[in-house]
């Protein structure tokens, strides 16, 4: 039996807009991860690595070239289920 889950929808923003939000966040809430979990993050910063892939990302010798910045603009409700349930649900189509 599957279940419903919400996934965030992210929009890319500028570094300036992210920095403005980050300064306000640190001033108002603080930097603790507990606050991040309780209040939810509305912005995120992702590194751009020289080499791509999971093993390349955890390699300490793989330099970070820059960052991409995102703002949460909404949520999408999705139904997650196994392949057999999916076959059954889409059989009539």
Protein backbone atom coordinates (compact mmCIF):
# COMPACT_ATOMS: atom_id res chain seq x y z
CA UNK A 1 0.00 0.00 0.00
CA UNK A 2 1.43 3.35 -1.01
CA UNK A 3 1.31 6.68 0.77
CA UNK A 4 1.19 10.39 -0.01
CA UNK A 5 4.18 12.67 0.50
CA UNK A 6 4.85 16.35 -0.17
CA UNK A 7 7.95 17.35 -2.13
CA UNK A 8 9.24 20.92 -2.34
CA UNK A 9 9.33 22.86 -5.62
CA UNK A 10 12.51 24.95 -5.92
CA UNK A 11 13.18 28.05 -8.06
CA UNK A 12 16.74 29.22 -8.73
CA UNK A 13 17.55 32.68 -7.33
CA UNK A 14 20.54 35.01 -7.26
CA UNK A 15 23.33 34.96 -4.68
CA UNK A 16 22.31 38.45 -3.57
CA UNK A 17 18.74 37.37 -2.81
CA UNK A 18 19.99 34.30 -0.92
CA UNK A 19 22.47 36.36 1.13
CA UNK A 20 19.72 38.79 2.08
CA UNK A 21 17.55 35.91 3.32
CA UNK A 22 20.49 34.20 5.10
CA UNK A 23 21.36 37.38 7.02
CA UNK A 24 17.76 37.79 8.15
CA UNK A 25 17.52 34.08 9.10
CA UNK A 26 20.68 34.18 11.24
CA UNK A 27 19.51 37.36 12.95
CA UNK A 28 15.94 36.22 13.66
CA UNK A 29 16.24 32.47 14.29
CA UNK A 30 19.89 31.49 14.63
CA UNK A 31 22.02 28.86 12.95
CA UNK A 32 20.96 25.78 14.90
CA UNK A 33 19.83 22.72 12.92
CA UNK A 34 17.00 22.26 15.41
CA UNK A 35 15.46 25.52 14.22
CA UNK A 36 15.91 24.37 10.60
CA UNK A 37 13.93 21.21 11.34
CA UNK A 38 11.23 22.98 13.36
CA UNK A 39 10.67 25.95 11.06
CA UNK A 40 11.58 24.35 7.73
CA UNK A 41 14.02 25.80 5.27
CA UNK A 42 12.61 27.99 2.53
CA UNK A 43 15.98 28.53 0.81
CA UNK A 44 18.92 26.27 0.03
CA UNK A 45 22.49 26.51 -1.24
CA UNK A 46 23.94 23.68 -3.37
CA UNK A 47 27.63 23.39 -4.27
CA UNK A 48 28.78 22.95 -7.87
CA UNK A 49 31.66 20.46 -7.93
CA UNK A 50 34.39 20.16 -10.55
CA UNK A 51 33.63 16.45 -11.04
CA UNK A 52 30.09 15.09 -10.91
CA UNK A 53 28.79 11.93 -9.25
CA UNK A 54 28.28 10.66 -5.72
CA UNK A 55 31.84 9.47 -5.14
CA UNK A 56 33.25 12.68 -6.62
CA UNK A 57 31.06 14.74 -4.25
CA UNK A 58 32.45 13.03 -1.13
CA UNK A 59 36.04 13.23 -2.37
CA UNK A 60 37.84 15.96 -0.34
CA UNK A 61 40.12 16.68 -3.34
CA UNK A 62 37.16 17.59 -5.58
CA UNK A 63 37.06 21.41 -5.52
CA UNK A 64 33.83 23.41 -5.27
CA UNK A 65 33.55 25.75 -8.27
CA UNK A 66 30.62 27.78 -6.96
CA UNK A 67 27.09 27.51 -5.63
CA UNK A 68 23.51 27.53 -6.89
CA UNK A 69 20.86 29.16 -4.75
CA UNK A 70 17.20 28.15 -4.56
CA UNK A 71 13.98 29.40 -2.99
CA UNK A 72 11.06 27.13 -2.12
CA UNK A 73 8.03 28.25 -4.15
CA UNK A 74 5.57 25.50 -3.30
CA UNK A 75 4.97 21.84 -2.64
CA UNK A 76 3.81 18.97 -4.82
CA UNK A 77 1.72 16.13 -3.39
CA UNK A 78 2.81 12.75 -4.77
CA UNK A 79 1.58 9.20 -4.24
CA UNK A 80 4.44 6.76 -3.68
CA UNK A 81 3.85 3.07 -4.29
CA UNK A 82 5.51 -0.11 -5.49
CA UNK A 83 5.66 -1.37 -9.06
CA UNK A 84 2.87 -3.93 -8.62
CA UNK A 85 0.47 -1.36 -7.19
CA UNK A 86 1.40 1.07 -9.97
CA UNK A 87 0.66 -1.59 -12.62
CA UNK A 88 -2.73 -2.24 -11.01
CA UNK A 89 -3.60 1.47 -10.77
CA UNK A 90 -2.59 2.22 -14.39
CA UNK A 91 -4.03 -0.98 -15.92
CA UNK A 92 -7.19 0.70 -17.19
CA UNK A 93 -5.31 3.43 -19.09
